[in-house]
PDB file of N, CA and C in Angstrom:
ATOM      1  N   MET A   1       0.751  -1.303  -0.089  1.00  0.00           N
ATOM      2  CA  MET A   1       0.114   0.028  -0.040  1.00  0.00           C
ATOM      3  C   MET A   1       0.775   1.408  -0.190  1.00  0.00           C
ATOM      4  N   THR A   2       0.564   2.125  -0.843  1.00  0.00           N
ATOM      5  CA  THR A   2       1.336   3.500  -0.920  1.00  0.00           C
ATOM      6  C   THR A   2       1.167   4.163   0.204  1.00  0.00           C
ATOM      7  N   GLU A   3       2.005   5.263   0.727  1.00  0.00           N
ATOM      8  CA  GLU A   3       1.855   6.521   1.732  1.00  0.00           C
ATOM      9  C   GLU A   3       0.647   6.728   1.772  1.00  0.00           C
ATOM     10  N   MET A   4       0.042   7.330   0.410  1.00  0.00           N
ATOM     11  CA  MET A   4      -0.924   8.363   0.144  1.00  0.00           C
ATOM     12  C   MET A   4      -2.333   7.545   0.618  1.00  0.00           C
ATOM     13  N   SER A   5      -2.410   6.229   0.065  1.00  0.00           N
ATOM     14  CA  SER A   5      -3.355   5.331   0.003  1.00  0.00           C
ATOM     15  C   SER A   5      -3.626   4.947   1.478  1.00  0.00           C
ATOM     16  N   GLU A   6      -2.567   4.582   2.260  1.00  0.00           N
ATOM     17  CA  GLU A   6      -2.435   4.279   3.724  1.00  0.00           C
ATOM     18  C   GLU A   6      -2.926   5.526   4.628  1.00  0.00           C
ATOM     19  N   SER A   7      -2.640   6.660   4.135  1.00  0.00           N
ATOM     20  CA  SER A   7      -2.938   8.085   4.806  1.00  0.00           C
ATOM     21  C   SER A   7      -4.450   8.216   4.759  1.00  0.00           C
ATOM     22  N   LEU A   8      -4.950   7.704   3.521  1.00  0.00           N
ATOM     23  CA  LEU A   8      -6.224   8.174   2.998  1.00  0.00           C
ATOM     24  C   LEU A   8      -7.274   7.100   3.709  1.00  0.00           C
ATOM     25  N   LEU A   9      -6.985   5.664   3.765  1.00  0.00           N
ATOM     26  CA  LEU A   9      -7.730   4.850   4.456  1.00  0.00           C
ATOM     27  C   LEU A   9      -7.821   5.086   6.011  1.00  0.00           C
ATOM     28  N   LEU A  10      -6.652   5.801   6.421  1.00  0.00           N
ATOM     29  CA  LEU A  10      -6.578   5.916   8.067  1.00  0.00           C
ATOM     30  C   LEU A  10      -7.680   6.907   8.380  1.00  0.00           C
ATOM     31  N   THR A  11      -7.691   7.907   7.603  1.00  0.00           N
ATOM     32  CA  THR A  11      -8.677   9.151   7.776  1.00  0.00           C
ATOM     33  C   THR A  11      -9.913   8.395   7.681  1.00  0.00           C
ATOM     34  N   LEU A  12     -10.351   7.698   6.786  1.00  0.00           N
ATOM     35  CA  LEU A  12     -11.650   7.220   6.382  1.00  0.00           C
ATOM     36  C   LEU A  12     -12.263   5.953   7.537  1.00  0.00           C
ATOM     37  N   VAL A  13     -10.835   5.547   8.057  1.00  0.00           N
ATOM     38  CA  VAL A  13     -11.401   4.683   8.972  1.00  0.00           C
ATOM     39  C   VAL A  13     -11.534   5.555  10.486  1.00  0.00           C
ATOM     40  N   LYS A  14     -10.761   6.356  10.866  1.00  0.00           N
ATOM     41  CA  LYS A  14     -10.760   7.359  11.873  1.00  0.00           C
ATOM     42  C   LYS A  14     -12.212   8.232  11.549  1.00  0.00           C
ATOM     43  N   GLU A  15     -12.669   8.526  10.569  1.00  0.00           N
ATOM     44  CA  GLU A  15     -13.979   9.652  10.567  1.00  0.00           C
ATOM     45  C   GLU A  15     -14.902   8.493  10.675  1.00  0.00           C
ATOM     46  N   THR A  16     -15.224   7.558  10.470  1.00  0.00           N
ATOM     47  CA  THR A  16     -16.126   6.232  10.488  1.00  0.00           C
ATOM     48  C   THR A  16     -16.365   5.894  11.863  1.00  0.00           C
ATOM     49  N   ALA A  17     -15.168   5.502  12.814  1.00  0.00           N
ATOM     50  CA  ALA A  17     -15.370   5.343  13.707  1.00  0.00           C
ATOM     51  C   ALA A  17     -15.869   6.268  14.727  1.00  0.00           C
ATOM     52  N   GLU A  18     -15.560   7.501  14.625  1.00  0.00           N
ATOM     53  CA  GLU A  18     -15.831   8.968  15.315  1.00  0.00           C
ATOM     54  C   GLU A  18     -17.289   9.057  15.026  1.00  0.00           C
ATOM     55  N   LYS A  19     -17.632   9.171  14.035  1.00  0.00           N
ATOM     56  CA  LYS A  19     -19.147   9.175  13.300  1.00  0.00           C
ATOM     57  C   LYS A  19     -20.193   8.242  14.254  1.00  0.00           C
ATOM     58  N   HIS A  20     -19.695   6.799  14.476  1.00  0.00           N
ATOM     59  CA  HIS A  20     -20.655   5.813  15.073  1.00  0.00           C
ATOM     60  C   HIS A  20     -20.065   5.958  16.809  1.00  0.00           C
ATOM     61  N   GLY A  21     -19.482   6.837  17.438  1.00  0.00           N
ATOM     62  CA  GLY A  21     -19.586   7.397  18.506  1.00  0.00           C
ATOM     63  C   GLY A  21     -18.128   6.416  19.405  1.00  0.00           C
ATOM     64  N   CYS A  22     -17.469   5.861  18.869  1.00  0.00           N
ATOM     65  CA  CYS A  22     -16.189   5.153  19.296  1.00  0.00           C
ATOM     66  C   CYS A  22     -14.538   6.000  18.521  1.00  0.00           C
ATOM     67  N   ARG A  23     -13.738   5.358  19.566  1.00  0.00           N
ATOM     68  CA  ARG A  23     -12.530   6.417  19.268  1.00  0.00           C
ATOM     69  C   ARG A  23     -11.482   4.900  18.608  1.00  0.00           C
ATOM     70  N   LEU A  24     -10.717   5.326  17.505  1.00  0.00           N
ATOM     71  CA  LEU A  24      -9.647   4.642  17.276  1.00  0.00           C
ATOM     72  C   LEU A  24      -8.259   4.778  18.097  1.00  0.00           C
ATOM     73  N   VAL A  25      -8.048   3.283  18.690  1.00  0.00           N
ATOM     74  CA  VAL A  25      -7.002   3.126  19.299  1.00  0.00           C
ATOM     75  C   VAL A  25      -5.416   3.050  19.028  1.00  0.00           C
ATOM     76  N   ASP A  26      -5.661   1.993  17.918  1.00  0.00           N
ATOM     77  CA  ASP A  26      -4.496   1.800  17.489  1.00  0.00           C
ATOM     78  C   ASP A  26      -4.836   0.720  15.763  1.00  0.00           C
ATOM     79  N   VAL A  27      -4.030   0.950  15.250  1.00  0.00           N
ATOM     80  CA  VAL A  27      -4.492   0.428  13.568  1.00  0.00           C
ATOM     81  C   VAL A  27      -3.047  -0.441  13.101  1.00  0.00           C
ATOM     82  N   ASP A  28      -3.274  -1.398  12.775  1.00  0.00           N
ATOM     83  CA  ASP A  28      -2.122  -2.425  12.305  1.00  0.00           C
ATOM     84  C   ASP A  28      -2.785  -3.107  11.009  1.00  0.00           C
ATOM     85  N   PHE A  29      -2.452  -2.153   9.931  1.00  0.00           N
ATOM     86  CA  PHE A  29      -2.674  -2.207   8.518  1.00  0.00           C
ATOM     87  C   PHE A  29      -1.993  -3.701   8.237  1.00  0.00           C
ATOM     88  N   ASP A  30      -1.095  -4.013   8.319  1.00  0.00           N
ATOM     89  CA  ASP A  30      -0.257  -5.114   7.882  1.00  0.00           C
ATOM     90  C   ASP A  30      -1.352  -6.599   8.039  1.00  0.00           C
ATOM     91  N   ASN A  31      -1.825  -6.526   9.432  1.00  0.00           N
ATOM     92  CA  ASN A  31      -2.179  -7.744  10.110  1.00  0.00           C
ATOM     93  C   ASN A  31      -3.733  -7.553  10.061  1.00  0.00           C
ATOM     94  N   HIS A  32      -4.298  -6.590   9.308  1.00  0.00           N
ATOM     95  CA  HIS A  32      -5.887  -5.790   9.242  1.00  0.00           C
ATOM     96  C   HIS A  32      -6.369  -6.233  10.682  1.00  0.00           C
ATOM     97  N   VAL A  33      -5.811  -5.608  11.791  1.00  0.00           N
ATOM     98  CA  VAL A  33      -6.323  -5.251  12.856  1.00  0.00           C
ATOM     99  C   VAL A  33      -6.715  -3.613  13.344  1.00  0.00           C
ATOM    100  N   LEU A  34      -7.922  -3.284  13.946  1.00  0.00           N
ATOM    101  CA  LEU A  34      -8.152  -2.240  14.395  1.00  0.00           C
ATOM    102  C   LEU A  34      -8.439  -2.067  15.395  1.00  0.00           C
ATOM    103  N   ASN A  35      -8.318  -1.310  16.657  1.00  0.00           N
ATOM    104  CA  ASN A  35      -8.693  -1.610  17.978  1.00  0.00           C
ATOM    105  C   ASN A  35      -9.316  -0.372  18.169  1.00  0.00           C
ATOM    106  N   LEU A  36     -10.322  -0.865  18.693  1.00  0.00           N
ATOM    107  CA  LEU A  36     -11.454   0.697  19.019  1.00  0.00           C
ATOM    108  C   LEU A  36     -11.824   0.793  20.404  1.00  0.00           C
ATOM    109  N   ASP A  37     -12.153   1.635  20.985  1.00  0.00           N
ATOM    110  CA  ASP A  37     -12.648   2.047  22.356  1.00  0.00           C
ATOM    111  C   ASP A  37     -13.848   2.726  22.361  1.00  0.00           C
ATOM    112  N   GLY A  38     -14.622   2.497  23.463  1.00  0.00           N
ATOM    113  CA  GLY A  38     -15.942   3.254  23.775  1.00  0.00           C
ATOM    114  C   GLY A  38     -17.286   2.206  24.164  1.00  0.00           C
ATOM    115  N   PRO A  39     -18.062   2.695  24.290  1.00  0.00           N
ATOM    116  CA  PRO A  39     -19.314   1.902  24.940  1.00  0.00           C
ATOM    117  C   PRO A  39     -19.264   0.856  23.985  1.00  0.00           C
ATOM    118  N   ASP A  40     -19.867  -0.294  24.366  1.00  0.00           N
ATOM    119  CA  ASP A  40     -20.052  -1.521  23.637  1.00  0.00           C
ATOM    120  C   ASP A  40     -20.954  -1.552  22.623  1.00  0.00           C
ATOM    121  N   GLU A  41     -22.144  -0.732  22.817  1.00  0.00           N
ATOM    122  CA  GLU A  41     -22.872  -0.437  21.493  1.00  0.00           C
ATOM    123  C   GLU A  41     -22.489   0.231  20.438  1.00  0.00           C
ATOM    124  N   ALA A  42     -21.596   1.275  20.765  1.00  0.00           N
ATOM    125  CA  ALA A  42     -21.163   2.153  19.777  1.00  0.00           C
ATOM    126  C   ALA A  42     -19.637   1.587  19.087  1.00  0.00           C
ATOM    127  N   VAL A  43     -19.003   0.427  19.982  1.00  0.00           N
ATOM    128  CA  VAL A  43     -18.020  -0.472  19.102  1.00  0.00           C
ATOM    129  C   VAL A  43     -18.441  -1.132  18.163  1.00  0.00           C
ATOM    130  N   GLU A  44     -19.924  -1.765  18.386  1.00  0.00           N
ATOM    131  CA  GLU A  44     -20.348  -2.939  17.751  1.00  0.00           C
ATOM    132  C   GLU A  44     -20.616  -2.317  16.392  1.00  0.00           C
ATOM    133  N   ALA A  45     -21.365  -0.859  16.747  1.00  0.00           N
ATOM    134  CA  ALA A  45     -21.908  -0.079  15.172  1.00  0.00           C
ATOM    135  C   ALA A  45     -20.658   0.460  14.635  1.00  0.00           C
ATOM    136  N   CYS A  46     -19.602   0.556  15.148  1.00  0.00           N
ATOM    137  CA  CYS A  46     -18.321   0.738  14.520  1.00  0.00           C
ATOM    138  C   CYS A  46     -17.777  -0.363  13.747  1.00  0.00           C
ATOM    139  N   ALA A  47     -17.640  -1.309  14.468  1.00  0.00           N
ATOM    140  CA  ALA A  47     -16.839  -2.434  13.978  1.00  0.00           C
ATOM    141  C   ALA A  47     -18.044  -3.047  12.573  1.00  0.00           C
ATOM    142  N   ALA A  48     -19.203  -2.747  12.686  1.00  0.00           N
ATOM    143  CA  ALA A  48     -20.193  -3.199  11.499  1.00  0.00           C
ATOM    144  C   ALA A  48     -19.829  -2.234  10.440  1.00  0.00           C
ATOM    145  N   ALA A  49     -20.158  -0.771  10.596  1.00  0.00           N
ATOM    146  CA  ALA A  49     -19.562  -0.002   9.470  1.00  0.00           C
ATOM    147  C   ALA A  49     -18.508  -0.029   8.931  1.00  0.00           C
ATOM    148  N   LEU A  50     -17.024  -0.305   9.633  1.00  0.00           N
ATOM    149  CA  LEU A  50     -15.473  -0.197   9.130  1.00  0.00           C
ATOM    150  C   LEU A  50     -15.673  -1.781   8.360  1.00  0.00           C
ATOM    151  N   ALA A  51     -16.061  -2.745   8.949  1.00  0.00           N
ATOM    152  CA  ALA A  51     -16.399  -4.117   7.889  1.00  0.00           C
ATOM    153  C   ALA A  51     -17.122  -3.909   6.535  1.00  0.00           C
ATOM    154  N   LYS A  52     -18.059  -2.982   6.418  1.00  0.00           N
ATOM    155  CA  LYS A  52     -18.740  -2.357   5.362  1.00  0.00           C
ATOM    156  C   LYS A  52     -17.755  -1.656   4.423  1.00  0.00           C
ATOM    157  N   LEU A  53     -17.163  -1.009   5.161  1.00  0.00           N
ATOM    158  CA  LEU A  53     -16.448   0.180   4.331  1.00  0.00           C
ATOM    159  C   LEU A  53     -15.131  -0.526   3.938  1.00  0.00           C
ATOM    160  N   LEU A  54     -14.632  -1.424   4.610  1.00  0.00           N
ATOM    161  CA  LEU A  54     -13.007  -2.141   4.065  1.00  0.00           C
ATOM    162  C   LEU A  54     -13.170  -3.490   3.703  1.00  0.00           C
ATOM    163  N   GLY A  55     -14.648  -4.005   3.265  1.00  0.00           N
ATOM    164  CA  GLY A  55     -15.037  -5.100   2.580  1.00  0.00           C
ATOM    165  C   GLY A  55     -14.703  -5.988   3.316  1.00  0.00           C
TER     166      GLY A  55
END
C-alpha cells in the first residue's frame, strides 16, 4: 500500500469510527487489525460500519 493510500484509508477509518461514537486506539494495516474504544454498542456499530467500508 502506498503512503498516500494508507493515509487516506486511516482518515476514512478514523472518521467512520468517530461518526459511530467510538475512538480508534490502534491500527495495524499489515495484519488487518483495528482496536476501538468506547461503549459496547458504539464499538459494535463501529465494527459493523468499518467491516462494510473495508469489505
